[in-house]
Amino acid sequence: MKSLLDFIKAFLKNNGQFVFLSLLIAKICAFAGSVLMIRILPENEFGVLTIAATVFAVFAPFSGFGSTQSLMRFGSLCEDEKAKSDLSDYLFKKGFINQLLLSAAFFLFAFVYVHQYSQIFLIFSFFTVRLIGVYFFYHIQSERRIHLKNRDFARMNNIVNISGLLMMLLLTSYWGLLGYLIANAAAPFISLFWFKGPIKNAAPDLKRFGKKEIWSFALHASATALLSDAFFSADILLLSFLKNENAVANYKIAILIPSNITFLALSFMQSDYPVLAKNFRSKEFLKNYIFNYYKIFIPVSAAIFISGYFLSGFIMKIFFGAEYIDNSFVFSLFLLAFCGSMLLRNLYGNLLAAVGMMKKNTLYSALSIIILSFLAFLLVPKLGLEGMAIAMSVSLTLMGAFLMFSFLNYLRKLK
């Protein structure tokens, strides 16, 4: 993979274009759903729904206590299809029990807001059902990827996301918020059409990896995912405590588009992860991958930021309404931060996971939340929405720099 042409050919060979399109469709569906809620719901109701969705976003990556992430890592290293299937069945059974415990913990979190917001138990009940469905969805996704079935992975993603959006449009038009909650809870269960069920008495060969290694990676992976999403949820939660639901709504609108551009980078990492895991000791392969990645994403990031900066006011007005045009500066700041994230955090965070250095991801994810919280309490009382945007952008950039330093240090030690 020395040349850019080889890099693109390998991406296409892995059916990466289907993964890219499926992630694009997922982002469009999520964005359309958010815009629908912004347009239909009053600002205060949308703010409360955003808070519940933010808490959900913290719990969702902890799915199965990391069983799906561990399946991706160790399933990619298995040498034959039977070993991959046996490992998948083992992790599914253990992970499902973990998921039930996680869902119960998530529902109990509603008591934190019970005195502040009405209908909080109703909203959390539907999100709890969705959390169980997400476990099936994530597990089936990982299973398809370790078998290098990126086209099946993409097809399932497309059907789940498009069907979910259509259900949302239909049910919300009839029942408002309740219709949205029903559609949101039901959508991930559509993935069960691709679920073959666990093999009875599956006995994975754990001699090569061992249960301790598998679950150590799983716990660190889930902790990293939890902390990473907590980082992207902490801003909403901090703002809800430091300001009010109206500030939350304005902030969510400003960050919605910028935070979703990272799917461009993630589409490459999603399709290439099994190959990266197999080549985790190849210094030349990893160096060439980084070099070719930058050949694509430095120009892409520059183009996105420049065009977004000059069109920020238009984008705010056309998508969200003229009343939100004052958020143009915050939008541009987020756009710069997330373009930088594609070049640092997304690249090196996924590379560290692929080579098995998940503990570094966990450490820096925890550190980023501390930095964000400190900056938020320092800046938000004085600068309000802009203060939170600055705190998020600085924390995001520092995290990316830490991840880059750790991976380059790992690369330097390879022979």
Protein backbone atom coordinates (compact mmCIF):
# COMPACT_ATOMS: atom_id res chain seq x y z
CA MET A 1 0.00 0.00 0.00
CA LYS A 2 2.84 2.36 -0.89
CA SER A 3 0.93 4.57 -3.34
CA LEU A 4 -2.35 6.42 -3.10
CA LEU A 5 -3.67 4.31 -5.98
CA ASP A 6 -2.93 1.10 -4.04
CA PHE A 7 -4.60 2.61 -1.00
CA ILE A 8 -7.79 3.34 -2.93
CA LYS A 9 -7.72 -0.07 -4.65
CA ALA A 10 -7.47 -1.82 -1.28
CA PHE A 11 -10.37 0.28 0.01
CA LEU A 12 -12.53 -0.74 -2.97
CA LYS A 13 -11.44 -4.37 -2.71
CA ASN A 14 -12.76 -4.43 0.86
CA ASN A 15 -16.08 -3.01 -0.44
CA GLY A 16 -15.26 0.16 1.45
CA GLN A 17 -17.42 2.18 -0.92
CA PHE A 18 -20.49 0.33 0.39
CA VAL A 19 -19.46 1.07 3.98
CA PHE A 20 -18.95 4.72 3.05
CA LEU A 21 -22.40 4.98 1.48
CA SER A 22 -24.06 3.18 4.39
CA LEU A 23 -22.46 5.52 6.92
CA LEU A 24 -23.45 8.50 4.78
CA ILE A 25 -27.03 7.25 4.67
CA ALA A 26 -26.94 6.68 8.46
CA LYS A 27 -25.74 10.24 9.03
CA ILE A 28 -28.37 11.66 6.65
CA CYS A 29 -31.11 9.68 8.40
CA ALA A 30 -29.91 10.78 11.85
CA PHE A 31 -29.63 14.38 10.67
CA ALA A 32 -33.09 14.28 9.05
CA GLY A 33 -34.55 12.82 12.25
CA SER A 34 -32.97 15.59 14.33
CA VAL A 35 -34.21 18.30 11.95
CA LEU A 36 -37.68 16.75 12.10
CA MET A 37 -37.70 16.98 15.88
CA ILE A 38 -36.38 20.54 15.79
CA ARG A 39 -39.15 21.56 13.41
CA ILE A 40 -42.00 19.72 15.16
CA LEU A 41 -41.25 19.93 18.89
CA PRO A 42 -41.26 23.08 21.02
CA GLU A 43 -37.77 24.21 22.05
CA ASN A 44 -38.15 23.06 25.67
CA GLU A 45 -39.41 19.56 24.67
CA PHE A 46 -36.57 19.18 22.18
CA GLY A 47 -34.14 20.19 24.93
CA VAL A 48 -35.46 17.49 27.29
CA LEU A 49 -35.35 14.87 24.54
CA THR A 50 -31.76 15.92 23.77
CA ILE A 51 -30.76 15.37 27.40
CA ALA A 52 -32.22 11.83 27.38
CA ALA A 53 -30.56 11.07 24.04
CA THR A 54 -27.27 12.38 25.40
CA VAL A 55 -27.39 10.02 28.38
CA PHE A 56 -28.25 7.20 25.97
CA ALA A 57 -25.21 8.09 23.86
CA VAL A 58 -23.02 7.59 26.94
CA PHE A 59 -24.38 4.09 27.61
CA ALA A 60 -24.73 2.76 24.04
CA PRO A 61 -21.01 2.25 23.30
CA PHE A 62 -20.71 0.20 26.52
CA SER A 63 -22.91 -2.38 24.79
CA GLY A 64 -22.30 -5.88 26.16
CA PHE A 65 -19.48 -4.46 28.32
CA GLY A 66 -17.29 -4.38 25.23
CA SER A 67 -18.16 -7.76 23.75
CA THR A 68 -18.74 -6.33 20.27
CA GLN A 69 -15.42 -4.41 20.28
CA SER A 70 -13.57 -7.50 21.47
CA LEU A 71 -15.21 -9.52 18.70
CA MET A 72 -13.90 -7.02 16.15
CA ARG A 73 -10.33 -7.17 17.48
CA PHE A 74 -9.90 -10.89 18.12
CA GLY A 75 -12.28 -12.04 15.39
CA SER A 76 -10.07 -10.22 12.88
CA LEU A 77 -7.08 -12.21 14.13
CA CYS A 78 -8.80 -15.62 13.86
CA GLU A 79 -7.43 -17.65 10.98
CA ASP A 80 -10.57 -19.52 9.84
CA GLU A 81 -14.32 -18.93 9.60
CA LYS A 82 -15.25 -21.53 12.23
CA ALA A 83 -13.01 -19.91 14.84
CA LYS A 84 -14.62 -16.54 14.08
CA SER A 85 -18.14 -17.97 14.40
CA ASP A 86 -17.37 -19.78 17.67
CA LEU A 87 -15.87 -16.63 19.16
CA SER A 88 -18.89 -14.62 18.00
CA ASP A 89 -21.34 -17.03 19.69
CA TYR A 90 -19.36 -17.06 22.92
CA LEU A 91 -19.22 -13.26 23.12
CA PHE A 92 -22.88 -12.87 22.16
CA LYS A 93 -24.13 -15.01 25.07
CA LYS A 94 -21.88 -13.35 27.65
CA GLY A 95 -22.49 -9.89 26.26
CA PHE A 96 -26.29 -10.17 26.27
CA ILE A 97 -26.37 -10.78 30.03
CA ASN A 98 -24.13 -7.76 30.46
CA GLN A 99 -26.46 -5.72 28.28
CA LEU A 100 -29.47 -6.43 30.47
CA LEU A 101 -27.57 -5.12 33.49
CA LEU A 102 -26.51 -2.06 31.52
CA SER A 103 -30.09 -1.35 30.44
CA ALA A 104 -31.29 -1.46 34.04
CA ALA A 105 -28.57 0.99 35.08
CA PHE A 106 -29.52 3.31 32.22
CA PHE A 107 -33.18 3.40 33.27
CA LEU A 108 -32.25 4.23 36.87
CA PHE A 109 -30.45 7.29 35.56
CA ALA A 110 -33.88 8.86 34.92
CA PHE A 111 -34.16 9.52 38.67
CA VAL A 112 -31.42 12.16 38.32
CA TYR A 113 -33.81 14.36 36.30
CA VAL A 114 -37.15 13.34 37.81
CA HIS A 115 -37.61 16.65 39.68
CA GLN A 116 -36.51 18.83 36.74
CA TYR A 117 -38.42 17.53 33.73
CA SER A 118 -41.83 16.01 33.11
CA GLN A 119 -42.28 12.81 31.05
CA ILE A 120 -38.71 11.82 31.84
CA PHE A 121 -39.66 8.24 32.80
CA LEU A 122 -41.65 7.78 29.60
CA ILE A 123 -38.73 8.94 27.48
CA PHE A 124 -36.18 6.82 29.36
CA SER A 125 -38.43 3.73 29.13
CA PHE A 126 -38.43 3.84 25.34
CA PHE A 127 -34.70 4.55 25.21
CA THR A 128 -34.12 1.52 27.47
CA VAL A 129 -35.88 -0.70 24.94
CA ARG A 130 -33.76 0.85 22.20
CA LEU A 131 -30.59 0.10 24.20
CA ILE A 132 -31.38 -3.63 24.15
CA GLY A 133 -32.04 -3.49 20.41
CA VAL A 134 -28.74 -1.69 19.86
CA TYR A 135 -26.89 -4.66 21.36
CA PHE A 136 -28.23 -6.96 18.61
CA PHE A 137 -27.47 -4.33 15.99
CA TYR A 138 -23.85 -3.79 17.12
CA HIS A 139 -23.14 -7.50 17.46
CA ILE A 140 -24.43 -8.31 13.98
CA GLN A 141 -22.41 -5.39 12.60
CA SER A 142 -19.18 -6.73 14.14
CA GLU A 143 -19.94 -10.27 12.97
CA ARG A 144 -20.33 -9.11 9.37
CA ARG A 145 -17.10 -7.13 9.51
CA ILE A 146 -14.85 -9.90 10.88
CA HIS A 147 -16.06 -12.14 8.06
CA LEU A 148 -15.15 -9.29 5.66
CA LYS A 149 -18.77 -9.03 4.53
CA ASN A 150 -18.76 -5.27 4.19
CA ARG A 151 -21.49 -5.34 1.55
CA ASP A 152 -23.85 -7.22 3.90
CA PHE A 153 -22.85 -4.84 6.69
CA ALA A 154 -23.77 -1.88 4.50
CA ARG A 155 -27.06 -3.41 3.32
CA MET A 156 -28.21 -4.07 6.88
CA ASN A 157 -27.22 -0.56 7.99
CA ASN A 158 -29.14 0.99 5.12
CA ILE A 159 -32.35 -0.95 5.77
CA VAL A 160 -32.26 -0.31 9.54
CA ASN A 161 -31.61 3.43 9.18
CA ILE A 162 -33.96 4.14 6.29
CA SER A 163 -36.76 2.07 7.83
CA GLY A 164 -36.22 3.81 11.15
CA LEU A 165 -36.49 7.24 9.51
CA LEU A 166 -39.66 6.28 7.62
CA MET A 167 -41.27 4.92 10.80
CA MET A 168 -40.29 8.14 12.57
CA LEU A 169 -41.89 10.31 9.87
CA LEU A 170 -45.08 8.26 9.87
CA LEU A 171 -45.55 7.80 13.62
CA THR A 172 -44.45 11.31 14.58
CA SER A 173 -46.99 12.82 12.19
CA TYR A 174 -49.74 10.97 14.06
CA TRP A 175 -48.56 10.89 17.68
CA GLY A 176 -45.87 13.56 17.99
CA LEU A 177 -43.24 12.86 20.64
CA LEU A 178 -44.73 9.46 21.49
CA GLY A 179 -44.55 8.42 17.84
CA TYR A 180 -40.91 9.42 17.68
CA LEU A 181 -40.11 7.39 20.80
CA ILE A 182 -41.85 4.27 19.43
CA ALA A 183 -40.01 4.46 16.10
CA ASN A 184 -36.69 5.19 17.80
CA ALA A 185 -37.07 2.17 20.10
CA ALA A 186 -38.17 -0.25 17.37
CA ALA A 187 -35.60 0.62 14.66
CA PRO A 188 -32.53 -1.38 15.86
CA PHE A 189 -34.61 -4.57 16.21
CA ILE A 190 -34.95 -4.65 12.40
CA SER A 191 -31.35 -5.98 12.40
CA LEU A 192 -32.68 -9.28 13.82
CA PHE A 193 -33.58 -10.30 10.26
CA TRP A 194 -29.81 -10.85 9.81
CA PHE A 195 -29.35 -12.67 13.12
CA LYS A 196 -28.76 -16.40 12.70
CA GLY A 197 -28.76 -17.12 16.43
CA PRO A 198 -25.95 -18.58 18.53
CA ILE A 199 -24.67 -22.10 17.88
CA LYS A 200 -25.58 -24.47 20.68
CA ASN A 201 -22.63 -25.43 22.86
CA ALA A 202 -20.22 -23.32 20.82
CA ALA A 203 -16.74 -23.81 22.22
CA PRO A 204 -14.32 -21.13 21.00
CA ASP A 205 -10.62 -21.88 21.04
CA LEU A 206 -9.43 -19.56 23.77
CA LYS A 207 -5.90 -20.95 23.94
CA ARG A 208 -4.53 -18.40 21.50
CA PHE A 209 -6.03 -15.38 23.23
CA GLY A 210 -7.46 -16.48 26.58
CA LYS A 211 -10.55 -15.21 28.37
CA LYS A 212 -8.52 -12.74 30.41
CA GLU A 213 -7.05 -11.11 27.32
CA ILE A 214 -10.39 -11.04 25.51
CA TRP A 215 -12.31 -9.46 28.37
CA SER A 216 -9.48 -7.13 29.34
CA PHE A 217 -9.59 -5.69 25.84
CA ALA A 218 -13.40 -5.69 25.95
CA LEU A 219 -13.55 -3.74 29.20
CA HIS A 220 -10.94 -1.23 28.09
CA ALA A 221 -12.65 -0.89 24.70
CA SER A 222 -16.06 -0.36 26.29
CA ALA A 223 -14.59 2.03 28.87
CA THR A 224 -12.93 3.95 26.05
CA ALA A 225 -16.16 4.04 24.05
CA LEU A 226 -18.07 5.07 27.16
CA LEU A 227 -15.60 7.82 28.00
CA SER A 228 -15.36 8.92 24.38
CA ASP A 229 -19.11 9.29 24.06
CA ALA A 230 -19.27 10.77 27.55
CA PHE A 231 -16.87 13.39 26.23
CA PHE A 232 -19.29 14.21 23.41
CA SER A 233 -22.20 14.12 25.84
CA ALA A 234 -20.57 16.00 28.71
CA ASP A 235 -20.93 19.31 26.88
CA ILE A 236 -24.71 18.88 26.69
CA LEU A 237 -24.97 17.74 30.31
CA LEU A 238 -22.71 20.53 31.58
CA LEU A 239 -24.64 23.11 29.58
CA SER A 240 -27.95 21.78 30.93
CA PHE A 241 -26.70 22.36 34.47
CA LEU A 242 -24.87 25.64 33.86
CA LYS A 243 -27.54 27.16 31.59
CA ASN A 244 -30.97 25.83 30.51
CA GLU A 245 -32.74 23.70 27.92
CA ASN A 246 -32.85 26.61 25.44
CA ALA A 247 -29.07 26.88 25.50
CA VAL A 248 -28.89 23.10 25.04
CA ALA A 249 -31.13 23.30 21.97
CA ASN A 250 -29.05 26.09 20.37
CA TYR A 251 -25.80 24.29 21.12
CA LYS A 252 -27.11 21.00 19.70
CA ILE A 253 -28.10 22.74 16.49
CA ALA A 254 -24.67 24.38 16.09
CA ILE A 255 -22.74 21.12 16.61
CA LEU A 256 -25.09 18.80 14.68
CA ILE A 257 -23.55 19.12 11.20
CA PRO A 258 -19.85 19.51 12.20
CA SER A 259 -19.90 16.48 14.49
CA ASN A 260 -21.25 14.32 11.66
CA ILE A 261 -18.55 15.05 9.08
CA THR A 262 -16.23 12.55 10.79
CA PHE A 263 -18.15 9.73 9.09
CA LEU A 264 -15.83 10.42 6.12
CA ALA A 265 -12.84 9.23 8.14
CA LEU A 266 -14.75 6.52 9.98
CA SER A 267 -15.86 4.92 6.71
CA PHE A 268 -12.23 4.20 5.89
CA MET A 269 -11.45 2.94 9.39
CA GLN A 270 -14.59 0.78 9.50
CA SER A 271 -13.74 -1.07 6.30
CA ASP A 272 -9.99 -1.30 6.97
CA TYR A 273 -10.03 -2.27 10.66
CA PRO A 274 -9.67 -6.06 10.13
CA VAL A 275 -6.73 -5.48 7.75
CA LEU A 276 -5.10 -3.03 10.15
CA ALA A 277 -5.48 -5.52 13.02
CA LYS A 278 -3.77 -8.25 10.98
CA ASN A 279 -0.86 -5.92 10.13
CA PHE A 280 -0.41 -4.46 13.60
CA ARG A 281 3.29 -5.41 13.67
CA SER A 282 4.11 -4.18 10.14
CA LYS A 283 5.83 -0.81 10.47
CA GLU A 284 5.94 -0.20 6.73
CA PHE A 285 2.25 -1.02 6.26
CA LEU A 286 1.16 1.32 9.07
CA LYS A 287 3.39 4.19 7.90
CA ASN A 288 2.12 3.92 4.34
CA TYR A 289 -1.47 3.79 5.59
CA ILE A 290 -1.05 7.06 7.52
CA PHE A 291 0.75 8.73 4.62
CA ASN A 292 -1.97 7.82 2.09
CA TYR A 293 -4.74 8.67 4.55
CA TYR A 294 -3.38 12.20 4.82
CA LYS A 295 -3.16 12.51 1.03
CA ILE A 296 -6.94 12.19 0.97
CA PHE A 297 -8.12 13.83 4.17
CA ILE A 298 -5.97 16.96 4.39
CA PRO A 299 -7.47 18.35 1.15
CA VAL A 300 -10.95 17.10 2.12
CA SER A 301 -10.76 18.73 5.56
CA ALA A 302 -9.53 22.02 4.12
CA ALA A 303 -12.32 22.08 1.52
CA ILE A 304 -15.00 21.33 4.12
CA PHE A 305 -13.86 24.04 6.52
CA ILE A 306 -13.40 26.79 3.91
CA SER A 307 -16.75 26.17 2.26
CA GLY A 308 -18.53 25.75 5.60
CA TYR A 309 -17.01 28.93 7.02
CA PHE A 310 -18.24 31.13 4.18
CA LEU A 311 -21.65 29.45 4.01
CA SER A 312 -22.24 29.14 7.76
CA GLY A 313 -25.05 31.70 7.90
CA PHE A 314 -26.80 30.18 4.90
CA ILE A 315 -26.50 26.66 6.34
CA MET A 316 -27.98 27.73 9.68
CA LYS A 317 -30.89 29.46 7.97
CA ILE A 318 -31.74 26.82 5.38
CA PHE A 319 -31.58 23.79 7.69
CA PHE A 320 -32.75 25.14 11.05
CA GLY A 321 -34.46 28.47 10.47
CA ALA A 322 -33.56 32.16 10.54
CA GLU A 323 -33.88 32.27 14.35
CA TYR A 324 -30.69 30.19 14.67
CA ILE A 325 -28.48 32.25 12.35
CA ASP A 326 -26.69 33.81 15.37
CA ASN A 327 -25.04 30.41 15.94
CA SER A 328 -22.91 30.79 12.79
CA PHE A 329 -19.67 31.52 14.66
CA VAL A 330 -20.09 28.52 16.95
CA PHE A 331 -20.88 26.39 13.89
CA SER A 332 -17.64 27.50 12.17
CA LEU A 333 -15.57 26.85 15.28
CA PHE A 334 -16.97 23.33 15.55
CA LEU A 335 -16.32 22.74 11.86
CA LEU A 336 -12.63 23.57 12.34
CA ALA A 337 -12.39 21.35 15.43
CA PHE A 338 -14.00 18.31 13.79
CA CYS A 339 -11.95 18.69 10.62
CA GLY A 340 -8.92 18.52 12.90
CA SER A 341 -10.45 15.50 14.59
CA MET A 342 -10.48 13.59 11.30
CA LEU A 343 -6.73 14.21 10.98
CA LEU A 344 -5.84 13.36 14.58
CA ARG A 345 -8.37 11.75 16.92
CA ASN A 346 -10.25 9.55 14.43
CA LEU A 347 -7.12 8.30 12.70
CA TYR A 348 -4.83 7.61 15.65
CA GLY A 349 -7.57 6.49 18.02
CA ASN A 350 -8.63 3.75 15.60
CA LEU A 351 -5.02 2.81 14.85
CA LEU A 352 -4.29 2.38 18.55
CA ALA A 353 -7.37 0.15 18.88
CA ALA A 354 -6.31 -1.93 15.86
CA VAL A 355 -2.84 -2.59 17.30
CA GLY A 356 -4.28 -3.52 20.71
CA MET A 357 -3.26 -0.40 22.67
CA MET A 358 -6.75 0.27 23.98
CA LYS A 359 -5.49 1.35 27.40
CA LYS A 360 -4.07 4.54 25.86
CA ASN A 361 -7.45 5.34 24.36
CA THR A 362 -9.06 4.82 27.76
CA LEU A 363 -6.55 7.07 29.51
CA TYR A 364 -6.85 9.95 27.05
CA SER A 365 -10.63 9.71 26.89
CA ALA A 366 -10.81 10.13 30.67
CA LEU A 367 -8.32 13.00 30.56
CA SER A 368 -10.31 14.78 27.84
CA ILE A 369 -13.45 14.80 30.03
CA ILE A 370 -11.49 16.37 32.88
CA ILE A 371 -10.10 19.05 30.55
CA LEU A 372 -13.54 19.73 29.05
CA SER A 373 -15.20 20.02 32.47
CA PHE A 374 -12.50 22.38 33.76
CA LEU A 375 -12.71 24.63 30.70
CA ALA A 376 -16.52 24.57 30.74
CA PHE A 377 -16.79 25.77 34.33
CA LEU A 378 -14.17 28.39 33.52
CA LEU A 379 -15.60 29.71 30.24
CA VAL A 380 -19.37 29.06 30.13
CA PRO A 381 -20.36 31.46 32.95
CA LYS A 382 -18.54 34.27 31.10
CA LEU A 383 -19.02 33.40 27.42
CA GLY A 384 -22.10 31.18 27.44
CA LEU A 385 -22.57 29.11 24.28
CA GLU A 386 -19.28 30.32 22.77
CA GLY A 387 -17.45 29.33 25.94
CA MET A 388 -18.68 25.75 25.70
CA ALA A 389 -17.75 25.63 22.01
CA ILE A 390 -14.20 26.77 22.80
CA ALA A 391 -13.91 24.27 25.65
CA MET A 392 -15.04 21.41 23.39
CA SER A 393 -12.75 22.42 20.52
CA VAL A 394 -9.63 22.75 22.68
CA SER A 395 -10.31 19.44 24.46
CA LEU A 396 -10.92 17.64 21.17
CA THR A 397 -7.65 18.92 19.68
CA LEU A 398 -5.57 18.05 22.75
CA MET A 399 -6.99 14.52 22.80
CA GLY A 400 -6.04 14.04 19.16
CA ALA A 401 -2.49 15.23 19.85
CA PHE A 402 -2.10 12.80 22.76
CA LEU A 403 -3.33 9.89 20.63
CA MET A 404 -0.96 10.80 17.80
CA PHE A 405 2.03 10.96 20.15
CA SER A 406 1.26 7.51 21.60
CA PHE A 407 0.82 5.83 18.24
CA LEU A 408 3.95 7.39 16.74
CA ASN A 409 5.85 6.21 19.81
CA TYR A 410 4.49 2.67 19.21
CA LEU A 411 5.46 2.91 15.54
CA ARG A 412 8.97 4.03 16.42
CA LYS A 413 9.54 0.90 18.54
CA LEU A 414 8.53 -1.50 15.75
CA LYS A 415 11.37 -3.12 13.84
